Amino acid sequence: MTKSEMQTHSDAELDSVFSHIEANQDSFIARLLTYLKHPSISAQDIGIREVAEILVKMLATLGMEAQAVSTAGHPMVIGRWEKAPGAPTILLYGHYDVQPPEPLEAWISPPFEPTIRDGRIFARGSGDNKAQHFAQILAIESYLVVHGKLPCNVIILLEGEEEVGSPHIADFAQKHRDLLKADVVVTADGAMSESGRPALFHGVRGIASFELRIRHANTDVHSGGFGGVVPNPIWTLVHLLGTMKNAAGEVLIDGFYSEVAPPSEAELAAARALPFSADDIRKTYKLKYLDAPVDRPVVDRIMFYPTLTINGFIGGYGGPGAKSIVPNEALVKCDIRLVERQTPDEILAKVEAHVKKHAPDVEVVRIEAMLPSKTPFDSPYAEVIKRAIRAGQGKEPLIYPLIGGSLPEYVFTKILGTHSFVVPYANSDQANHAPNENIKIDCFLKGIRTGAALLDEMGRSRSIADS
């Protein structure tokens, strides 16, 4: 069979799957609504094991070897279809846990009573991440219903702790390398561009979060009787924070930037081609100006530089009216977004050394950590995935060197040594982690198509290589 004949054959196979998806879209939407009714809140340990069991049964029904594997925390759900000898294997990652829905009063419809409004499905977990990994499952199902087999081997890994920082997935991957051996990993998560164009992400930033805690007196005291005498823990933290970052936006922690890997020319060119606009950000969030450094391009700040952010400051009296006290304790929550070559241990050690030097009474408490991840621009699978996105969505994808947020992609690139990509199926305004989370029905259906095209392209990549 010639390469042209294989191309035509593969196109016909995929077209028949697309026809099946179109004919069954109402059923697929209804099944997604049913799935979204089941809470699976990892932070509150609500519904996790019940949803894991639902997924195991769902995958087993497709003829996959499916199991929920215990960890020190919540179980990992794994499905395997390995009936294509000699074909490549793709691992599809997602997470079945969701964020807490609070504040409940801010939801137009209850978070676990999925509701369709204006072409969108509103429910907690709709965009992040149930609809996205369910689209992958329906793509596999559709291919199997139409053709009775898949063009490549498939592993599905669905995590139950992504929304609490994926604390056990690295240990799980170390122990179960045999279950996760694949040629490439694709994660359906995150949001597409505001332009509506699909996207392909080559990497993610890491994260290191921590608290700074200080307690001075054993109780709050009167600010008139003891102000200026008893040290104020809020001022202690304010002064400390002032030594950590200046008004020009520079992080002053010694060695903070020393391990930053500079972007390649290809990465810079791809970043410059993305539709990032400082004016759009200002308008969207009603800002008078952006954070410093003002002369650094927005896309560079999000992709190529680490950040130090204050997430919250707790201390003293915050109620109505006045309360004239010197509080006795205060706490500040921070996170650092990491870029390639930085590690949480390295950065947090530098934070601890800085605090010890400038405010030795302040306690540093490590909270969450995740390594950054980056797949090379010249990965042979990049073109395979681009073709799948074009076929599934009918548009050319935007190519991102990485996204500013964090996902446990390092597990695949650094522990398993596999190239890994993120392909978001959700709309840019999905409101993930917020009230009224949603996914556009059109995005969900195109996600199923893209998932089917991804399977097709993976199988075709084997054929082309062998021809």
Protein backbone atom coordinates (compact mmCIF):
# COMPACT_ATOMS: atom_id res chain seq x y z
CA MET A 1 0.00 0.00 0.00
CA THR A 2 1.41 3.38 -0.98
CA LYS A 3 1.64 6.36 1.36
CA SER A 4 -1.18 8.05 -0.62
CA GLU A 5 -3.39 4.97 -0.30
CA MET A 6 -2.72 4.77 3.44
CA GLN A 7 -3.62 8.47 3.78
CA THR A 8 -6.96 7.96 1.97
CA HIS A 9 -7.73 4.84 3.98
CA SER A 10 -6.99 6.62 7.25
CA ASP A 11 -9.06 9.67 6.27
CA ALA A 12 -12.02 7.43 5.49
CA GLU A 13 -11.65 5.68 8.84
CA LEU A 14 -11.62 8.97 10.70
CA ASP A 15 -14.52 10.42 8.73
CA SER A 16 -16.70 7.50 9.73
CA VAL A 17 -15.81 8.10 13.38
CA PHE A 18 -16.65 11.79 12.99
CA SER A 19 -20.03 10.80 11.53
CA HIS A 20 -20.68 8.59 14.56
CA ILE A 21 -19.79 11.42 16.92
CA GLU A 22 -22.17 13.80 15.14
CA ALA A 23 -25.00 11.26 15.17
CA ASN A 24 -24.57 10.61 18.90
CA GLN A 25 -23.84 14.12 20.19
CA ASP A 26 -27.14 14.39 22.12
CA SER A 27 -26.40 11.11 23.88
CA PHE A 28 -22.83 12.20 24.64
CA ILE A 29 -24.05 15.47 26.16
CA ALA A 30 -26.62 13.64 28.29
CA ARG A 31 -23.97 11.23 29.55
CA LEU A 32 -21.67 14.11 30.44
CA LEU A 33 -24.47 15.71 32.46
CA THR A 34 -24.88 12.46 34.37
CA TYR A 35 -21.14 12.24 35.05
CA LEU A 36 -21.01 15.84 36.30
CA LYS A 37 -23.72 15.14 38.88
CA HIS A 38 -21.25 13.13 40.95
CA PRO A 39 -19.13 15.31 43.29
CA SER A 40 -15.46 14.38 43.55
CA ILE A 41 -13.92 17.09 45.72
CA SER A 42 -10.39 16.08 46.63
CA ALA A 43 -9.78 18.86 49.17
CA GLN A 44 -12.82 17.73 51.17
CA ASP A 45 -12.58 14.00 50.35
CA ILE A 46 -16.13 13.97 49.01
CA GLY A 47 -17.17 11.42 46.39
CA ILE A 48 -13.64 10.56 45.28
CA ARG A 49 -13.82 6.79 45.53
CA GLU A 50 -17.34 6.67 44.15
CA VAL A 51 -16.28 8.53 41.00
CA ALA A 52 -13.14 6.41 40.68
CA GLU A 53 -15.34 3.33 40.63
CA ILE A 54 -17.63 4.90 38.04
CA LEU A 55 -14.62 5.50 35.82
CA VAL A 56 -13.27 1.97 36.26
CA LYS A 57 -16.62 0.55 35.14
CA MET A 58 -16.77 3.04 32.27
CA LEU A 59 -13.34 2.03 30.97
CA ALA A 60 -13.95 -1.68 31.49
CA THR A 61 -17.11 -1.40 29.38
CA LEU A 62 -14.90 -0.25 26.51
CA GLY A 63 -12.87 -3.45 26.76
CA MET A 64 -9.96 -1.79 28.55
CA GLU A 65 -8.06 -3.38 31.41
CA ALA A 66 -9.22 -0.97 34.11
CA GLN A 67 -8.41 -0.58 37.78
CA ALA A 68 -8.27 1.93 40.60
CA VAL A 69 -4.79 1.78 42.09
CA SER A 70 -4.42 2.86 45.71
CA THR A 71 -1.92 5.54 46.74
CA ALA A 72 -1.15 7.15 50.08
CA GLY A 73 -3.95 9.55 49.12
CA HIS A 74 -6.70 9.19 46.55
CA PRO A 75 -6.69 6.38 43.97
CA MET A 76 -5.35 6.59 40.43
CA VAL A 77 -7.64 5.22 37.75
CA ILE A 78 -5.85 3.41 34.91
CA GLY A 79 -7.31 1.98 31.72
CA ARG A 80 -5.21 0.11 29.14
CA TRP A 81 -6.05 -0.98 25.58
CA GLU A 82 -3.01 -2.72 24.13
CA LYS A 83 -4.25 -4.77 21.20
CA ALA A 84 -2.33 -3.10 18.37
CA PRO A 85 1.01 -4.95 18.18
CA GLY A 86 3.81 -2.79 16.81
CA ALA A 87 1.76 0.40 17.00
CA PRO A 88 2.81 3.31 19.21
CA THR A 89 1.25 3.87 22.62
CA ILE A 90 -0.30 7.15 23.71
CA LEU A 91 -0.97 7.95 27.36
CA LEU A 92 -3.94 10.27 27.96
CA TYR A 93 -3.78 12.04 31.32
CA GLY A 94 -6.59 13.85 33.13
CA HIS A 95 -7.95 14.28 36.62
CA TYR A 96 -11.34 13.33 38.01
CA ASP A 97 -11.15 15.45 41.15
CA VAL A 98 -12.63 18.95 41.23
CA GLN A 99 -12.29 22.14 43.25
CA PRO A 100 -14.61 22.88 46.19
CA PRO A 101 -17.70 24.71 44.88
CA GLU A 102 -17.86 27.43 47.54
CA PRO A 103 -19.16 30.14 47.65
CA LEU A 104 -22.38 28.32 46.85
CA GLU A 105 -24.47 31.49 46.83
CA ALA A 106 -22.53 32.78 43.82
CA TRP A 107 -23.74 29.94 41.58
CA ILE A 108 -26.68 30.66 39.31
CA SER A 109 -27.55 26.95 39.33
CA PRO A 110 -26.31 24.41 41.91
CA PRO A 111 -22.75 23.23 41.16
CA PHE A 112 -23.64 19.53 41.01
CA GLU A 113 -26.91 19.95 39.14
CA PRO A 114 -25.54 20.38 35.61
CA THR A 115 -27.51 22.96 33.66
CA ILE A 116 -27.41 23.99 30.01
CA ARG A 117 -27.65 27.72 29.33
CA ASP A 118 -26.65 29.64 26.21
CA GLY A 119 -24.88 26.68 24.63
CA ARG A 120 -22.83 25.93 27.75
CA ILE A 121 -22.90 23.26 30.45
CA PHE A 122 -22.61 24.81 33.92
CA ALA A 123 -21.34 22.55 36.72
CA ARG A 124 -18.35 22.16 38.94
CA GLY A 125 -15.76 20.13 37.05
CA SER A 126 -17.32 20.80 33.65
CA GLY A 127 -14.24 22.51 32.25
CA ASP A 128 -11.70 21.34 34.81
CA ASN A 129 -11.42 18.50 34.07
CA LYS A 130 -14.34 16.08 33.68
CA ALA A 131 -15.64 17.16 30.28
CA GLN A 132 -12.13 17.18 28.87
CA HIS A 133 -11.10 13.67 29.88
CA PHE A 134 -14.63 12.38 29.23
CA ALA A 135 -14.20 13.66 25.67
CA GLN A 136 -11.09 11.47 25.38
CA ILE A 137 -13.02 8.46 26.66
CA LEU A 138 -15.85 9.08 24.19
CA ALA A 139 -13.31 9.39 21.37
CA ILE A 140 -11.97 5.93 22.24
CA GLU A 141 -15.50 4.56 22.50
CA SER A 142 -16.48 6.04 19.14
CA TYR A 143 -13.47 4.55 17.38
CA LEU A 144 -14.17 1.14 18.90
CA VAL A 145 -17.89 1.22 18.02
CA VAL A 146 -17.18 2.13 14.40
CA HIS A 147 -14.09 0.00 13.72
CA GLY A 148 -13.96 -2.56 16.53
CA LYS A 149 -10.36 -1.67 17.31
CA LEU A 150 -8.05 1.30 17.84
CA PRO A 151 -5.24 2.34 15.47
CA CYS A 152 -2.77 2.62 18.35
CA ASN A 153 -2.35 1.43 21.89
CA VAL A 154 -3.87 3.62 24.62
CA ILE A 155 -3.32 4.16 28.32
CA ILE A 156 -5.66 6.42 30.28
CA LEU A 157 -4.44 7.80 33.61
CA LEU A 158 -6.95 9.78 35.67
CA GLU A 159 -5.72 11.31 38.91
CA GLY A 160 -7.79 12.08 41.99
CA GLU A 161 -5.51 14.69 43.59
CA GLU A 162 -4.59 17.21 40.89
CA GLU A 163 -6.61 19.95 42.56
CA VAL A 164 -4.63 19.54 45.78
CA GLY A 165 -1.22 19.65 44.11
CA SER A 166 -0.76 16.03 42.93
CA PRO A 167 1.17 15.03 46.08
CA HIS A 168 1.39 11.31 45.27
CA ILE A 169 1.59 11.01 41.50
CA ALA A 170 5.41 11.15 41.37
CA ASP A 171 5.76 8.26 43.81
CA PHE A 172 3.04 6.40 41.92
CA ALA A 173 4.89 6.82 38.61
CA GLN A 174 8.15 5.62 40.16
CA LYS A 175 6.48 2.46 41.46
CA HIS A 176 4.35 1.71 38.39
CA ARG A 177 6.57 2.52 35.42
CA ASP A 178 5.41 -0.70 33.75
CA LEU A 179 1.80 0.51 33.74
CA LEU A 180 2.67 3.91 32.27
CA LYS A 181 5.16 3.06 29.52
CA ALA A 182 4.15 5.09 26.46
CA ASP A 183 5.64 6.83 23.42
CA VAL A 184 3.98 10.17 24.13
CA VAL A 185 1.65 11.74 26.68
CA VAL A 186 -1.22 14.13 25.92
CA THR A 187 -3.15 15.97 28.60
CA ALA A 188 -6.53 17.50 27.77
CA ASP A 189 -6.73 20.32 30.30
CA GLY A 190 -6.70 24.09 30.53
CA ALA A 191 -8.32 26.65 28.24
CA MET A 192 -8.02 27.63 24.62
CA SER A 193 -7.13 31.12 23.47
CA GLU A 194 -9.67 33.91 23.86
CA SER A 195 -9.69 34.02 20.06
CA GLY A 196 -11.27 30.56 20.08
CA ARG A 197 -8.30 28.99 18.35
CA PRO A 198 -7.11 25.64 19.67
CA ALA A 199 -3.73 25.39 21.31
CA LEU A 200 -0.80 23.08 21.81
CA PHE A 201 1.35 23.57 24.91
CA HIS A 202 4.89 22.19 25.04
CA GLY A 203 5.28 22.72 28.79
CA VAL A 204 4.16 24.19 32.08
CA ARG A 205 5.71 26.19 34.89
CA GLY A 206 6.28 24.56 38.24
CA ILE A 207 5.22 25.86 41.64
CA ALA A 208 6.59 26.18 45.16
CA SER A 209 4.15 27.54 47.73
CA PHE A 210 4.87 28.40 51.33
CA GLU A 211 3.69 30.32 54.38
CA LEU A 212 5.56 32.87 56.47
CA ARG A 213 4.39 32.74 60.08
CA ILE A 214 5.29 34.97 63.01
CA ARG A 215 4.06 35.22 66.60
CA HIS A 216 5.37 37.83 69.02
CA ALA A 217 3.34 38.42 72.21
CA ASN A 218 1.23 35.69 73.77
CA THR A 219 -1.90 37.78 73.20
CA ASP A 220 -3.16 40.87 71.39
CA VAL A 221 -2.43 44.04 73.35
CA HIS A 222 -3.82 47.59 73.52
CA SER A 223 -2.26 49.76 70.79
CA GLY A 224 -2.30 52.83 73.03
CA GLY A 225 -0.69 51.15 75.99
CA PHE A 226 1.78 49.02 74.07
CA GLY A 227 2.02 50.35 70.51
CA GLY A 228 5.66 51.09 69.71
CA VAL A 229 6.74 48.80 72.55
CA VAL A 230 5.38 45.36 71.73
CA PRO A 231 6.57 44.29 68.23
CA ASN A 232 3.84 44.05 65.61
CA PRO A 233 3.96 40.77 63.63
CA ILE A 234 2.27 42.36 60.63
CA TRP A 235 5.02 44.97 60.36
CA THR A 236 7.59 42.18 60.74
CA LEU A 237 6.15 40.45 57.68
CA VAL A 238 5.71 43.68 55.72
CA HIS A 239 9.37 44.59 56.23
CA LEU A 240 10.45 41.05 55.36
CA LEU A 241 8.39 41.01 52.17
CA GLY A 242 9.96 44.34 51.21
CA THR A 243 13.36 42.65 51.21
CA MET A 244 12.09 39.86 48.97
CA LYS A 245 10.75 41.88 46.02
CA ASN A 246 11.12 45.53 45.06
CA ALA A 247 8.80 47.99 43.34
CA ALA A 248 10.52 47.39 40.00
CA GLY A 249 9.30 43.79 40.06
CA GLU A 250 12.68 42.23 40.80
CA VAL A 251 12.83 39.31 43.23
CA LEU A 252 15.70 40.05 45.60
CA ILE A 253 16.21 36.59 47.09
CA ASP A 254 19.86 35.67 46.55
CA GLY A 255 20.26 33.30 43.61
CA PHE A 256 16.58 33.42 42.66
CA TYR A 257 17.28 33.67 38.93
CA SER A 258 20.53 31.71 38.82
CA GLU A 259 19.05 28.45 37.50
CA VAL A 260 16.62 29.98 35.00
CA ALA A 261 17.01 28.35 31.55
CA PRO A 262 16.82 31.01 28.83
CA PRO A 263 14.30 30.35 26.04
CA SER A 264 15.51 29.12 22.68
CA GLU A 265 15.13 31.18 19.52
CA ALA A 266 12.31 28.88 18.39
CA GLU A 267 10.50 29.33 21.70
CA LEU A 268 10.89 33.11 21.55
CA ALA A 269 9.58 33.19 17.99
CA ALA A 270 6.56 31.06 18.92
CA ALA A 271 5.83 33.22 21.95
CA ARG A 272 6.03 36.44 19.95
CA ALA A 273 3.45 35.05 17.50
CA LEU A 274 0.85 34.47 20.23
CA PRO A 275 -2.08 36.89 20.65
CA PHE A 276 -1.09 38.28 24.05
CA SER A 277 -2.10 41.90 24.52
CA ALA A 278 -1.34 44.09 27.51
CA ASP A 279 -4.27 46.33 26.53
CA ASP A 280 -6.66 43.37 26.46
CA ILE A 281 -5.57 42.31 29.94
CA ARG A 282 -6.08 45.82 31.27
CA LYS A 283 -9.54 46.04 29.74
CA THR A 284 -10.64 42.56 30.81
CA TYR A 285 -9.68 43.09 34.44
CA LYS A 286 -10.33 46.85 34.54
CA LEU A 287 -6.72 47.67 35.40
CA LYS A 288 -5.09 51.09 35.17
CA TYR A 289 -1.69 49.48 34.65
CA LEU A 290 0.07 46.12 34.74
CA ASP A 291 2.47 44.93 37.38
CA ALA A 292 6.17 45.73 37.09
CA PRO A 293 8.46 45.32 35.22
CA VAL A 294 6.43 47.28 32.67
CA ASP A 295 9.07 47.02 29.92
CA ARG A 296 9.00 43.20 29.85
CA PRO A 297 6.57 41.66 27.32
CA VAL A 298 3.52 40.02 28.89
CA VAL A 299 4.17 36.67 27.21
CA ASP A 300 7.75 36.59 28.52
CA ARG A 301 6.54 37.14 32.07
CA ILE A 302 4.03 34.29 31.84
CA MET A 303 6.34 31.78 30.15
CA PHE A 304 10.01 32.49 30.65
CA TYR A 305 10.39 34.10 34.10
CA PRO A 306 9.67 32.87 37.61
CA THR A 307 7.36 34.89 39.85
CA LEU A 308 6.91 35.59 43.54
CA THR A 309 3.28 36.19 44.48
CA ILE A 310 1.56 37.03 47.76
CA ASN A 311 -1.62 34.93 47.80
CA GLY A 312 -3.00 36.14 51.11
CA PHE A 313 -2.17 38.09 54.24
CA ILE A 314 -3.79 37.16 57.54
CA GLY A 315 -3.38 39.09 60.77
CA GLY A 316 -5.03 41.51 63.14
CA TYR A 317 -8.60 42.72 63.06
CA GLY A 318 -10.58 42.79 59.83
CA GLY A 319 -14.13 43.41 61.02
CA PRO A 320 -16.28 46.56 60.87
CA GLY A 321 -15.21 49.69 62.68
CA ALA A 322 -11.94 49.98 64.57
CA LYS A 323 -10.16 47.80 67.07
CA SER A 324 -7.09 49.43 68.56
CA ILE A 325 -4.75 46.50 69.08
CA VAL A 326 -1.25 45.31 68.35
CA PRO A 327 -1.96 41.77 67.10
CA ASN A 328 0.18 38.98 68.41
CA GLU A 329 0.49 36.86 65.24
CA ALA A 330 0.33 37.09 61.47
CA LEU A 331 0.69 34.86 58.45
CA VAL A 332 1.30 35.40 54.75
CA LYS A 333 0.78 32.85 51.98
CA CYS A 334 3.02 32.98 48.90
CA ASP A 335 3.75 31.03 45.77
CA ILE A 336 6.64 30.99 43.33
CA ARG A 337 6.08 29.87 39.75
CA LEU A 338 9.15 28.04 38.49
CA VAL A 339 10.63 27.78 35.01
CA GLU A 340 12.85 25.10 33.52
CA ARG A 341 15.94 24.11 35.54
CA GLN A 342 14.53 25.55 38.75
CA THR A 343 13.37 23.10 41.40
CA PRO A 344 11.11 23.61 44.41
CA ASP A 345 13.78 22.36 46.82
CA GLU A 346 16.41 24.74 45.44
CA ILE A 347 14.11 27.77 45.50
CA LEU A 348 12.56 27.07 48.91
CA ALA A 349 16.04 26.59 50.40
CA LYS A 350 16.92 30.07 49.10
CA VAL A 351 13.70 31.48 50.58
CA GLU A 352 14.55 29.92 53.95
CA ALA A 353 18.09 31.32 53.87
CA HIS A 354 16.74 34.78 53.00
CA VAL A 355 14.21 34.72 55.83
CA LYS A 356 16.82 33.50 58.30
CA LYS A 357 19.03 36.43 57.33
CA HIS A 358 16.40 39.18 57.38
CA ALA A 359 13.79 37.98 59.91
CA PRO A 360 15.06 34.97 61.87
CA ASP A 361 11.96 34.86 64.09
CA VAL A 362 9.73 34.15 61.08
CA GLU A 363 8.90 30.52 60.38
CA VAL A 364 8.85 29.26 56.78
CA VAL A 365 6.36 26.43 56.18
CA ARG A 366 6.54 24.56 52.88
CA ILE A 367 3.09 23.83 51.45
CA GLU A 368 3.06 22.60 47.84
CA ALA A 369 5.67 21.82 45.22
CA MET A 370 5.70 20.81 41.57
CA LEU A 371 8.57 20.79 39.09
CA PRO A 372 8.32 22.64 35.77
CA SER A 373 8.19 20.62 32.55
CA LYS A 374 9.14 21.26 28.94
CA THR A 375 9.04 19.11 25.82
CA PRO A 376 11.46 20.07 23.01
CA PHE A 377 10.11 22.02 20.06
CA ASP A 378 11.62 19.46 17.69
CA SER A 379 9.71 16.52 19.20
CA PRO A 380 8.53 14.23 16.36
CA TYR A 381 5.13 14.01 18.04
CA ALA A 382 4.47 17.75 17.84
CA GLU A 383 3.47 17.53 14.18
CA VAL A 384 1.35 14.45 14.85
CA ILE A 385 -0.64 16.32 17.47
CA LYS A 386 -0.92 19.46 15.33
CA ARG A 387 -2.47 17.40 12.52
CA ALA A 388 -4.95 15.90 14.97
CA ILE A 389 -5.97 19.32 16.23
CA ARG A 390 -6.46 20.60 12.69
CA ALA A 391 -8.60 17.58 11.81
CA GLY A 392 -10.66 17.73 14.99
CA GLN A 393 -11.19 21.46 15.25
CA GLY A 394 -10.80 22.76 11.72
CA LYS A 395 -8.34 25.45 12.78
CA GLU A 396 -4.60 25.89 12.98
CA PRO A 397 -3.47 25.59 16.61
CA LEU A 398 -1.54 28.25 18.45
CA ILE A 399 1.80 26.87 19.63
CA TYR A 400 2.80 27.77 23.19
CA PRO A 401 6.30 27.05 24.52
CA LEU A 402 4.57 26.63 27.87
CA ILE A 403 1.71 27.94 29.97
CA GLY A 404 2.03 29.94 33.15
CA GLY A 405 0.10 27.51 35.34
CA SER A 406 1.20 24.17 36.75
CA LEU A 407 0.29 20.58 35.94
CA PRO A 408 2.17 17.39 36.93
CA GLU A 409 3.69 17.10 33.45
CA TYR A 410 7.14 16.65 35.03
CA VAL A 411 6.09 13.15 36.03
CA PHE A 412 6.05 12.20 32.36
CA THR A 413 9.02 14.23 31.11
CA LYS A 414 11.40 13.97 34.07
CA ILE A 415 10.46 10.69 35.76
CA LEU A 416 9.23 8.59 32.83
CA GLY A 417 11.36 10.34 30.19
CA THR A 418 8.47 10.77 27.76
CA HIS A 419 7.56 13.75 25.58
CA SER A 420 4.39 15.30 26.94
CA PHE A 421 1.96 17.89 25.57
CA VAL A 422 -1.15 19.71 26.78
CA VAL A 423 -4.08 20.18 24.38
CA PRO A 424 -6.92 22.15 26.02
CA TYR A 425 -10.50 21.50 24.94
CA ALA A 426 -12.24 24.07 27.16
CA ASN A 427 -13.24 27.64 26.32
CA SER A 428 -11.11 30.50 27.62
CA ASP A 429 -13.89 31.75 29.91
CA GLN A 430 -14.64 28.40 31.54
CA ALA A 431 -14.41 29.95 35.05
CA ASN A 432 -12.53 26.97 36.39
CA HIS A 433 -11.99 27.10 40.16
CA ALA A 434 -14.72 29.79 40.31
CA PRO A 435 -18.51 29.82 40.66
CA ASN A 436 -20.45 29.07 37.46
CA GLU A 437 -17.73 26.93 35.93
CA ASN A 438 -18.74 25.90 32.43
CA ILE A 439 -17.77 24.40 29.11
CA LYS A 440 -19.21 25.29 25.74
CA ILE A 441 -20.99 22.32 24.22
CA ASP A 442 -19.25 23.02 20.94
CA CYS A 443 -15.86 22.80 22.67
CA PHE A 444 -16.81 19.48 24.26
CA LEU A 445 -17.90 17.98 20.95
CA LYS A 446 -14.80 19.25 19.16
CA GLY A 447 -12.77 17.72 21.98
CA ILE A 448 -14.24 14.30 21.17
CA ARG A 449 -13.39 14.82 17.49
CA THR A 450 -9.85 15.90 18.40
CA GLY A 451 -9.41 12.87 20.62
CA ALA A 452 -10.49 10.59 17.77
CA ALA A 453 -8.16 12.37 15.35
CA LEU A 454 -5.32 11.97 17.84
CA LEU A 455 -5.80 8.20 17.90
CA ASP A 456 -5.94 8.16 14.11
CA GLU A 457 -2.79 10.25 13.71
CA MET A 458 -0.89 8.12 16.20
CA GLY A 459 -1.73 5.00 14.20
CA ARG A 460 -0.88 6.76 10.96
CA SER A 461 2.50 7.89 12.32
CA ARG A 462 3.44 4.22 12.67
CA SER A 463 2.34 3.51 9.09
CA ILE A 464 4.26 6.42 7.64
CA ALA A 465 7.40 5.45 9.55
CA ASP A 466 7.16 1.86 8.26
CA SER A 467 6.43 2.79 4.65
